[in-house]
């Protein structure tokens, strides 16, 4: 086992985290996790999921607006001026 992997395993043990080595993949430059793309550059929204959000039809009912905002809220940190748009929808 390489030194970095040993340090990772030691840190996880210290923090009480368990890792299943047979389920683990090492050496990747990017990982898709919970709808996000995680890499050395940081966390980005998964482009596939953003494309699906672009094609959502605008809701016509209050329940539909709430559901729509919930879908968008998952990616709020990647949507520029999200709070402004969301506030306008909450007021309607």
PDB file of N, CA and C in Angstrom:
ATOM      1  N   UNK A   1       0.851  -1.178   0.000  1.00  0.00           N
ATOM      2  CA  UNK A   1       0.000   0.000   0.000  1.00  0.00           C
ATOM      3  C   UNK A   1       0.895   1.239   0.000  1.00  0.00           C
ATOM      4  N   UNK A   2       0.546   2.228  -0.794  1.00  0.00           N
ATOM      5  CA  UNK A   2       1.384   3.425  -0.862  1.00  0.00           C
ATOM      6  C   UNK A   2       1.196   4.298   0.385  1.00  0.00           C
ATOM      7  N   UNK A   3       2.124   5.199   0.583  1.00  0.00           N
ATOM      8  CA  UNK A   3       2.134   6.036   1.784  1.00  0.00           C
ATOM      9  C   UNK A   3       0.876   6.893   1.901  1.00  0.00           C
ATOM     10  N   UNK A   4       0.444   7.494   0.778  1.00  0.00           N
ATOM     11  CA  UNK A   4      -0.747   8.355   0.828  1.00  0.00           C
ATOM     12  C   UNK A   4      -1.981   7.555   1.218  1.00  0.00           C
ATOM     13  N   UNK A   5      -2.096   6.356   0.675  1.00  0.00           N
ATOM     14  CA  UNK A   5      -3.248   5.513   0.990  1.00  0.00           C
ATOM     15  C   UNK A   5      -3.218   5.096   2.459  1.00  0.00           C
ATOM     16  N   UNK A   6      -2.038   4.792   2.953  1.00  0.00           N
ATOM     17  CA  UNK A   6      -1.912   4.442   4.368  1.00  0.00           C
ATOM     18  C   UNK A   6      -2.313   5.616   5.257  1.00  0.00           C
ATOM     19  N   UNK A   7      -1.893   6.825   4.882  1.00  0.00           N
ATOM     20  CA  UNK A   7      -2.267   8.012   5.659  1.00  0.00           C
ATOM     21  C   UNK A   7      -3.777   8.242   5.602  1.00  0.00           C
ATOM     22  N   UNK A   8      -4.365   8.013   4.438  1.00  0.00           N
ATOM     23  CA  UNK A   8      -5.818   8.155   4.299  1.00  0.00           C
ATOM     24  C   UNK A   8      -6.536   7.162   5.201  1.00  0.00           C
ATOM     25  N   UNK A   9      -6.105   5.922   5.179  1.00  0.00           N
ATOM     26  CA  UNK A   9      -6.738   4.898   6.007  1.00  0.00           C
ATOM     27  C   UNK A   9      -6.576   5.218   7.494  1.00  0.00           C
ATOM     28  N   UNK A  10      -5.398   5.709   7.884  1.00  0.00           N
ATOM     29  CA  UNK A  10      -5.169   6.092   9.284  1.00  0.00           C
ATOM     30  C   UNK A  10      -6.092   7.241   9.696  1.00  0.00           C
ATOM     31  N   UNK A  11      -6.231   8.242   8.814  1.00  0.00           N
ATOM     32  CA  UNK A  11      -7.095   9.389   9.116  1.00  0.00           C
ATOM     33  C   UNK A  11      -8.548   8.948   9.241  1.00  0.00           C
ATOM     34  N   UNK A  12      -8.991   8.080   8.346  1.00  0.00           N
ATOM     35  CA  UNK A  12     -10.376   7.596   8.411  1.00  0.00           C
ATOM     36  C   UNK A  12     -10.621   6.812   9.696  1.00  0.00           C
ATOM     37  N   UNK A  13      -9.655   6.018  10.080  1.00  0.00           N
ATOM     38  CA  UNK A  13      -9.786   5.261  11.329  1.00  0.00           C
ATOM     39  C   UNK A  13      -9.855   6.214  12.521  1.00  0.00           C
ATOM     40  N   UNK A  14      -9.024   7.250  12.495  1.00  0.00           N
ATOM     41  CA  UNK A  14      -9.003   8.245  13.570  1.00  0.00           C
ATOM     42  C   UNK A  14     -10.356   8.946  13.693  1.00  0.00           C
ATOM     43  N   UNK A  15     -10.984   9.245  12.554  1.00  0.00           N
ATOM     44  CA  UNK A  15     -12.267   9.958  12.544  1.00  0.00           C
ATOM     45  C   UNK A  15     -13.469   9.023  12.667  1.00  0.00           C
ATOM     46  N   UNK A  16     -13.211   7.731  12.753  1.00  0.00           N
ATOM     47  CA  UNK A  16     -14.299   6.775  12.906  1.00  0.00           C
ATOM     48  C   UNK A  16     -15.028   6.471  11.609  1.00  0.00           C
ATOM     49  N   UNK A  17     -14.358   6.673  10.484  1.00  0.00           N
ATOM     50  CA  UNK A  17     -14.953   6.381   9.182  1.00  0.00           C
ATOM     51  C   UNK A  17     -14.461   5.031   8.695  1.00  0.00           C
ATOM     52  N   UNK A  18     -15.336   4.304   8.031  1.00  0.00           N
ATOM     53  CA  UNK A  18     -14.905   3.020   7.477  1.00  0.00           C
ATOM     54  C   UNK A  18     -14.920   3.102   5.952  1.00  0.00           C
ATOM     55  N   UNK A  19     -13.961   2.458   5.350  1.00  0.00           N
ATOM     56  CA  UNK A  19     -13.846   2.433   3.890  1.00  0.00           C
ATOM     57  C   UNK A  19     -13.816   0.978   3.455  1.00  0.00           C
ATOM     58  N   UNK A  20     -14.629   0.660   2.473  1.00  0.00           N
ATOM     59  CA  UNK A  20     -14.601  -0.674   1.897  1.00  0.00           C
ATOM     60  C   UNK A  20     -13.629  -0.646   0.716  1.00  0.00           C
ATOM     61  N   UNK A  21     -12.463  -1.219   0.899  1.00  0.00           N
ATOM     62  CA  UNK A  21     -11.457  -1.208  -0.169  1.00  0.00           C
ATOM     63  C   UNK A  21     -11.942  -1.900  -1.447  1.00  0.00           C
ATOM     64  N   UNK A  22     -12.669  -3.031  -1.364  1.00  0.00           N
ATOM     65  CA  UNK A  22     -13.149  -3.639  -2.615  1.00  0.00           C
ATOM     66  C   UNK A  22     -14.115  -2.727  -3.399  1.00  0.00           C
ATOM     67  N   UNK A  23     -14.817  -1.848  -2.697  1.00  0.00           N
ATOM     68  CA  UNK A  23     -15.754  -0.941  -3.363  1.00  0.00           C
ATOM     69  C   UNK A  23     -15.103   0.378  -3.758  1.00  0.00           C
ATOM     70  N   UNK A  24     -13.859   0.584  -3.370  1.00  0.00           N
ATOM     71  CA  UNK A  24     -13.183   1.860  -3.593  1.00  0.00           C
ATOM     72  C   UNK A  24     -12.469   1.891  -4.938  1.00  0.00           C
ATOM     73  N   UNK A  25     -12.386   3.096  -5.499  1.00  0.00           N
ATOM     74  CA  UNK A  25     -11.658   3.323  -6.744  1.00  0.00           C
ATOM     75  C   UNK A  25     -10.684   4.456  -6.478  1.00  0.00           C
ATOM     76  N   UNK A  26      -9.426   4.263  -6.806  1.00  0.00           N
ATOM     77  CA  UNK A  26      -8.400   5.267  -6.538  1.00  0.00           C
ATOM     78  C   UNK A  26      -7.766   5.733  -7.847  1.00  0.00           C
ATOM     79  N   UNK A  27      -7.223   6.935  -7.825  1.00  0.00           N
ATOM     80  CA  UNK A  27      -6.500   7.464  -8.979  1.00  0.00           C
ATOM     81  C   UNK A  27      -7.362   8.209  -9.979  1.00  0.00           C
ATOM     82  N   UNK A  28      -8.624   8.455  -9.654  1.00  0.00           N
ATOM     83  CA  UNK A  28      -9.499   9.190 -10.568  1.00  0.00           C
ATOM     84  C   UNK A  28      -9.274  10.686 -10.410  1.00  0.00           C
ATOM     85  N   UNK A  29      -9.363  11.414 -11.507  1.00  0.00           N
ATOM     86  CA  UNK A  29      -9.212  12.867 -11.427  1.00  0.00           C
ATOM     87  C   UNK A  29     -10.550  13.549 -11.166  1.00  0.00           C
ATOM     88  N   UNK A  30     -11.663  12.815 -11.392  1.00  0.00           N
ATOM     89  CA  UNK A  30     -12.992  13.384 -11.178  1.00  0.00           C
ATOM     90  C   UNK A  30     -13.925  12.264 -10.731  1.00  0.00           C
ATOM     91  N   UNK A  31     -14.820  12.601  -9.803  1.00  0.00           N
ATOM     92  CA  UNK A  31     -15.791  11.629  -9.297  1.00  0.00           C
ATOM     93  C   UNK A  31     -17.164  12.282  -9.296  1.00  0.00           C
ATOM     94  N   UNK A  32     -18.166  11.575  -9.792  1.00  0.00           N
ATOM     95  CA  UNK A  32     -19.545  12.049  -9.701  1.00  0.00           C
ATOM     96  C   UNK A  32     -20.125  11.518  -8.399  1.00  0.00           C
ATOM     97  N   UNK A  33     -20.635  12.444  -7.564  1.00  0.00           N
ATOM     98  CA  UNK A  33     -21.126  12.059  -6.246  1.00  0.00           C
ATOM     99  C   UNK A  33     -22.335  12.907  -5.888  1.00  0.00           C
ATOM    100  N   UNK A  34     -23.451  12.266  -5.622  1.00  0.00           N
ATOM    101  CA  UNK A  34     -24.686  12.932  -5.209  1.00  0.00           C
ATOM    102  C   UNK A  34     -25.063  14.085  -6.139  1.00  0.00           C
ATOM    103  N   UNK A  35     -24.973  13.859  -7.436  1.00  0.00           N
ATOM    104  CA  UNK A  35     -25.384  14.870  -8.403  1.00  0.00           C
ATOM    105  C   UNK A  35     -24.371  15.967  -8.638  1.00  0.00           C
ATOM    106  N   UNK A  36     -23.183  15.817  -8.087  1.00  0.00           N
ATOM    107  CA  UNK A  36     -22.126  16.807  -8.268  1.00  0.00           C
ATOM    108  C   UNK A  36     -20.892  16.132  -8.856  1.00  0.00           C
ATOM    109  N   UNK A  37     -20.077  16.920  -9.519  1.00  0.00           N
ATOM    110  CA  UNK A  37     -18.812  16.448 -10.057  1.00  0.00           C
ATOM    111  C   UNK A  37     -17.702  17.021  -9.180  1.00  0.00           C
ATOM    112  N   UNK A  38     -16.946  16.162  -8.526  1.00  0.00           N
ATOM    113  CA  UNK A  38     -15.915  16.585  -7.580  1.00  0.00           C
ATOM    114  C   UNK A  38     -14.543  16.293  -8.187  1.00  0.00           C
ATOM    115  N   UNK A  39     -13.685  17.319  -8.224  1.00  0.00           N
ATOM    116  CA  UNK A  39     -12.333  17.161  -8.762  1.00  0.00           C
ATOM    117  C   UNK A  39     -11.390  18.086  -8.008  1.00  0.00           C
ATOM    118  N   UNK A  40     -10.144  18.129  -8.442  1.00  0.00           N
ATOM    119  CA  UNK A  40      -9.160  19.012  -7.813  1.00  0.00           C
ATOM    120  C   UNK A  40      -9.542  20.474  -7.997  1.00  0.00           C
ATOM    121  N   UNK A  41     -10.299  20.780  -9.043  1.00  0.00           N
ATOM    122  CA  UNK A  41     -10.752  22.156  -9.284  1.00  0.00           C
ATOM    123  C   UNK A  41     -11.887  22.568  -8.357  1.00  0.00           C
ATOM    124  N   UNK A  42     -12.502  21.609  -7.698  1.00  0.00           N
ATOM    125  CA  UNK A  42     -13.597  21.910  -6.783  1.00  0.00           C
ATOM    126  C   UNK A  42     -14.849  21.116  -7.116  1.00  0.00           C
ATOM    127  N   UNK A  43     -15.967  21.577  -6.600  1.00  0.00           N
ATOM    128  CA  UNK A  43     -17.255  20.917  -6.808  1.00  0.00           C
ATOM    129  C   UNK A  43     -18.020  21.672  -7.878  1.00  0.00           C
ATOM    130  N   UNK A  44     -18.537  20.937  -8.852  1.00  0.00           N
ATOM    131  CA  UNK A  44     -19.330  21.531  -9.929  1.00  0.00           C
ATOM    132  C   UNK A  44     -20.626  20.751 -10.047  1.00  0.00           C
ATOM    133  N   UNK A  45     -21.614  21.403 -10.605  1.00  0.00           N
ATOM    134  CA  UNK A  45     -22.874  20.715 -10.852  1.00  0.00           C
ATOM    135  C   UNK A  45     -22.668  19.709 -11.975  1.00  0.00           C
ATOM    136  N   UNK A  46     -23.329  18.583 -11.882  1.00  0.00           N
ATOM    137  CA  UNK A  46     -23.261  17.578 -12.933  1.00  0.00           C
ATOM    138  C   UNK A  46     -23.953  18.138 -14.175  1.00  0.00           C
ATOM    139  N   UNK A  47     -23.246  18.283 -15.304  1.00  0.00           N
ATOM    140  CA  UNK A  47     -23.833  18.883 -16.509  1.00  0.00           C
ATOM    141  C   UNK A  47     -25.102  18.175 -16.985  1.00  0.00           C
ATOM    142  N   UNK A  48     -25.165  16.866 -16.822  1.00  0.00           N
ATOM    143  CA  UNK A  48     -26.353  16.117 -17.250  1.00  0.00           C
ATOM    144  C   UNK A  48     -27.583  16.570 -16.464  1.00  0.00           C
ATOM    145  N   UNK A  49     -27.425  16.724 -15.155  1.00  0.00           N
ATOM    146  CA  UNK A  49     -28.548  17.143 -14.318  1.00  0.00           C
ATOM    147  C   UNK A  49     -28.949  18.584 -14.597  1.00  0.00           C
ATOM    148  N   UNK A  50     -27.967  19.456 -14.868  1.00  0.00           N
ATOM    149  CA  UNK A  50     -28.290  20.848 -15.197  1.00  0.00           C
ATOM    150  C   UNK A  50     -29.076  20.926 -16.496  1.00  0.00           C
ATOM    151  N   UNK A  51     -28.719  20.082 -17.442  1.00  0.00           N
ATOM    152  CA  UNK A  51     -29.433  20.062 -18.721  1.00  0.00           C
ATOM    153  C   UNK A  51     -30.892  19.670 -18.496  1.00  0.00           C
ATOM    154  N   UNK A  52     -31.132  18.721 -17.609  1.00  0.00           N
ATOM    155  CA  UNK A  52     -32.501  18.311 -17.290  1.00  0.00           C
ATOM    156  C   UNK A  52     -33.272  19.459 -16.637  1.00  0.00           C
ATOM    157  N   UNK A  53     -32.614  20.236 -15.780  1.00  0.00           N
ATOM    158  CA  UNK A  53     -33.271  21.378 -15.135  1.00  0.00           C
ATOM    159  C   UNK A  53     -33.665  22.443 -16.156  1.00  0.00           C
ATOM    160  N   UNK A  54     -32.844  22.614 -17.184  1.00  0.00           N
ATOM    161  CA  UNK A  54     -33.138  23.622 -18.210  1.00  0.00           C
ATOM    162  C   UNK A  54     -34.435  23.313 -18.942  1.00  0.00           C
ATOM    163  N   UNK A  55     -34.784  22.034 -19.010  1.00  0.00           N
ATOM    164  CA  UNK A  55     -35.958  21.632 -19.781  1.00  0.00           C
ATOM    165  C   UNK A  55     -37.206  21.412 -18.926  1.00  0.00           C
ATOM    166  N   UNK A  56     -37.141  21.779 -17.648  1.00  0.00           N
ATOM    167  CA  UNK A  56     -38.337  21.686 -16.811  1.00  0.00           C
ATOM    168  C   UNK A  56     -39.363  22.708 -17.285  1.00  0.00           C
ATOM    169  N   UNK A  57     -40.606  22.307 -17.339  1.00  0.00           N
ATOM    170  CA  UNK A  57     -41.654  23.252 -17.722  1.00  0.00           C
ATOM    171  C   UNK A  57     -41.996  24.119 -16.516  1.00  0.00           C
ATOM    172  N   UNK A  58     -42.320  25.370 -16.777  1.00  0.00           N
ATOM    173  CA  UNK A  58     -42.631  26.285 -15.683  1.00  0.00           C
ATOM    174  C   UNK A  58     -43.955  25.877 -15.047  1.00  0.00           C
ATOM    175  N   UNK A  59     -44.017  25.804 -13.733  1.00  0.00           N
ATOM    176  CA  UNK A  59     -45.218  25.344 -13.032  1.00  0.00           C
ATOM    177  C   UNK A  59     -46.359  26.360 -13.098  1.00  0.00           C
ATOM    178  N   UNK A  60     -47.578  25.847 -12.968  1.00  0.00           N
ATOM    179  CA  UNK A  60     -48.761  26.711 -13.028  1.00  0.00           C
ATOM    180  C   UNK A  60     -49.535  26.735 -11.712  1.00  0.00           C
ATOM    181  N   UNK A  61     -49.156  25.875 -10.778  1.00  0.00           N
ATOM    182  CA  UNK A  61     -49.850  25.827  -9.488  1.00  0.00           C
ATOM    183  C   UNK A  61     -48.863  26.134  -8.362  1.00  0.00           C
ATOM    184  N   UNK A  62     -49.399  26.457  -7.187  1.00  0.00           N
ATOM    185  CA  UNK A  62     -48.550  26.732  -6.028  1.00  0.00           C
ATOM    186  C   UNK A  62     -47.714  25.508  -5.683  1.00  0.00           C
ATOM    187  N   UNK A  63     -48.336  24.350  -5.666  1.00  0.00           N
ATOM    188  CA  UNK A  63     -47.611  23.110  -5.375  1.00  0.00           C
ATOM    189  C   UNK A  63     -46.523  22.878  -6.422  1.00  0.00           C
ATOM    190  N   UNK A  64     -46.827  23.189  -7.674  1.00  0.00           N
ATOM    191  CA  UNK A  64     -45.845  23.044  -8.747  1.00  0.00           C
ATOM    192  C   UNK A  64     -44.667  23.984  -8.568  1.00  0.00           C
ATOM    193  N   UNK A  65     -44.942  25.228  -8.136  1.00  0.00           N
ATOM    194  CA  UNK A  65     -43.869  26.200  -7.898  1.00  0.00           C
ATOM    195  C   UNK A  65     -42.983  25.726  -6.748  1.00  0.00           C
ATOM    196  N   UNK A  66     -43.594  25.198  -5.699  1.00  0.00           N
ATOM    197  CA  UNK A  66     -42.816  24.693  -4.566  1.00  0.00           C
ATOM    198  C   UNK A  66     -41.914  23.536  -4.995  1.00  0.00           C
ATOM    199  N   UNK A  67     -42.439  22.648  -5.804  1.00  0.00           N
ATOM    200  CA  UNK A  67     -41.658  21.520  -6.303  1.00  0.00           C
ATOM    201  C   UNK A  67     -40.526  22.002  -7.210  1.00  0.00           C
ATOM    202  N   UNK A  68     -40.844  22.970  -8.071  1.00  0.00           N
ATOM    203  CA  UNK A  68     -39.861  23.560  -8.989  1.00  0.00           C
ATOM    204  C   UNK A  68     -38.720  24.202  -8.201  1.00  0.00           C
ATOM    205  N   UNK A  69     -39.056  24.984  -7.171  1.00  0.00           N
ATOM    206  CA  UNK A  69     -38.037  25.633  -6.340  1.00  0.00           C
ATOM    207  C   UNK A  69     -37.192  24.603  -5.594  1.00  0.00           C
ATOM    208  N   UNK A  70     -37.824  23.531  -5.164  1.00  0.00           N
ATOM    209  CA  UNK A  70     -37.071  22.467  -4.500  1.00  0.00           C
ATOM    210  C   UNK A  70     -36.048  21.839  -5.431  1.00  0.00           C
ATOM    211  N   UNK A  71     -36.439  21.633  -6.687  1.00  0.00           N
ATOM    212  CA  UNK A  71     -35.507  21.080  -7.675  1.00  0.00           C
ATOM    213  C   UNK A  71     -34.351  22.027  -7.928  1.00  0.00           C
ATOM    214  N   UNK A  72     -34.666  23.311  -8.054  1.00  0.00           N
ATOM    215  CA  UNK A  72     -33.619  24.302  -8.311  1.00  0.00           C
ATOM    216  C   UNK A  72     -32.736  24.524  -7.089  1.00  0.00           C
ATOM    217  N   UNK A  73     -33.318  24.430  -5.904  1.00  0.00           N
ATOM    218  CA  UNK A  73     -32.569  24.709  -4.679  1.00  0.00           C
ATOM    219  C   UNK A  73     -31.389  23.753  -4.489  1.00  0.00           C
ATOM    220  N   UNK A  74     -31.512  22.536  -4.992  1.00  0.00           N
ATOM    221  CA  UNK A  74     -30.421  21.569  -4.882  1.00  0.00           C
ATOM    222  C   UNK A  74     -29.150  22.109  -5.531  1.00  0.00           C
ATOM    223  N   UNK A  75     -29.310  22.906  -6.599  1.00  0.00           N
ATOM    224  CA  UNK A  75     -28.171  23.462  -7.331  1.00  0.00           C
ATOM    225  C   UNK A  75     -28.033  24.964  -7.138  1.00  0.00           C
ATOM    226  N   UNK A  76     -28.610  25.527  -6.078  1.00  0.00           N
ATOM    227  CA  UNK A  76     -28.632  26.983  -5.917  1.00  0.00           C
ATOM    228  C   UNK A  76     -27.246  27.621  -5.946  1.00  0.00           C
ATOM    229  N   UNK A  77     -26.236  26.931  -5.442  1.00  0.00           N
ATOM    230  CA  UNK A  77     -24.901  27.557  -5.410  1.00  0.00           C
ATOM    231  C   UNK A  77     -24.264  27.643  -6.796  1.00  0.00           C
ATOM    232  N   UNK A  78     -24.844  26.979  -7.781  1.00  0.00           N
ATOM    233  CA  UNK A  78     -24.318  27.034  -9.138  1.00  0.00           C
ATOM    234  C   UNK A  78     -25.155  27.939 -10.045  1.00  0.00           C
ATOM    235  N   UNK A  79     -26.255  28.489  -9.521  1.00  0.00           N
ATOM    236  CA  UNK A  79     -27.139  29.357 -10.308  1.00  0.00           C
ATOM    237  C   UNK A  79     -26.908  30.792  -9.873  1.00  0.00           C
ATOM    238  N   UNK A  80     -26.365  31.589 -10.784  1.00  0.00           N
ATOM    239  CA  UNK A  80     -26.065  32.984 -10.474  1.00  0.00           C
ATOM    240  C   UNK A  80     -27.353  33.738 -10.153  1.00  0.00           C
ATOM    241  N   UNK A  81     -27.346  34.505  -9.091  1.00  0.00           N
ATOM    242  CA  UNK A  81     -28.481  35.316  -8.632  1.00  0.00           C
ATOM    243  C   UNK A  81     -29.706  34.459  -8.301  1.00  0.00           C
ATOM    244  N   UNK A  82     -29.489  33.257  -7.813  1.00  0.00           N
ATOM    245  CA  UNK A  82     -30.601  32.362  -7.502  1.00  0.00           C
ATOM    246  C   UNK A  82     -31.575  32.988  -6.512  1.00  0.00           C
ATOM    247  N   UNK A  83     -31.062  33.648  -5.486  1.00  0.00           N
ATOM    248  CA  UNK A  83     -31.924  34.220  -4.444  1.00  0.00           C
ATOM    249  C   UNK A  83     -32.898  35.234  -5.024  1.00  0.00           C
ATOM    250  N   UNK A  84     -32.457  36.011  -5.997  1.00  0.00           N
ATOM    251  CA  UNK A  84     -33.326  37.022  -6.614  1.00  0.00           C
ATOM    252  C   UNK A  84     -34.473  36.341  -7.347  1.00  0.00           C
ATOM    253  N   UNK A  85     -34.143  35.321  -8.133  1.00  0.00           N
ATOM    254  CA  UNK A  85     -35.183  34.614  -8.893  1.00  0.00           C
ATOM    255  C   UNK A  85     -36.121  33.853  -7.961  1.00  0.00           C
ATOM    256  N   UNK A  86     -35.557  33.205  -6.959  1.00  0.00           N
ATOM    257  CA  UNK A  86     -36.379  32.431  -6.034  1.00  0.00           C
ATOM    258  C   UNK A  86     -37.319  33.341  -5.255  1.00  0.00           C
ATOM    259  N   UNK A  87     -36.836  34.512  -4.837  1.00  0.00           N
ATOM    260  CA  UNK A  87     -37.679  35.449  -4.087  1.00  0.00           C
ATOM    261  C   UNK A  87     -38.880  35.866  -4.919  1.00  0.00           C
ATOM    262  N   UNK A  88     -38.657  36.118  -6.195  1.00  0.00           N
ATOM    263  CA  UNK A  88     -39.763  36.510  -7.076  1.00  0.00           C
ATOM    264  C   UNK A  88     -40.796  35.393  -7.172  1.00  0.00           C
ATOM    265  N   UNK A  89     -40.343  34.153  -7.216  1.00  0.00           N
ATOM    266  CA  UNK A  89     -41.273  33.026  -7.298  1.00  0.00           C
ATOM    267  C   UNK A  89     -41.982  32.795  -5.966  1.00  0.00           C
ATOM    268  N   UNK A  90     -41.281  32.987  -4.858  1.00  0.00           N
ATOM    269  CA  UNK A  90     -41.906  32.819  -3.543  1.00  0.00           C
ATOM    270  C   UNK A  90     -43.005  33.850  -3.326  1.00  0.00           C
ATOM    271  N   UNK A  91     -42.811  35.054  -3.862  1.00  0.00           N
ATOM    272  CA  UNK A  91     -43.797  36.124  -3.685  1.00  0.00           C
ATOM    273  C   UNK A  91     -45.041  35.915  -4.528  1.00  0.00           C
ATOM    274  N   UNK A  92     -44.924  35.159  -5.615  1.00  0.00           N
ATOM    275  CA  UNK A  92     -46.084  34.989  -6.507  1.00  0.00           C
ATOM    276  C   UNK A  92     -47.081  33.990  -5.988  1.00  0.00           C
TER     277      UNK A  92
END
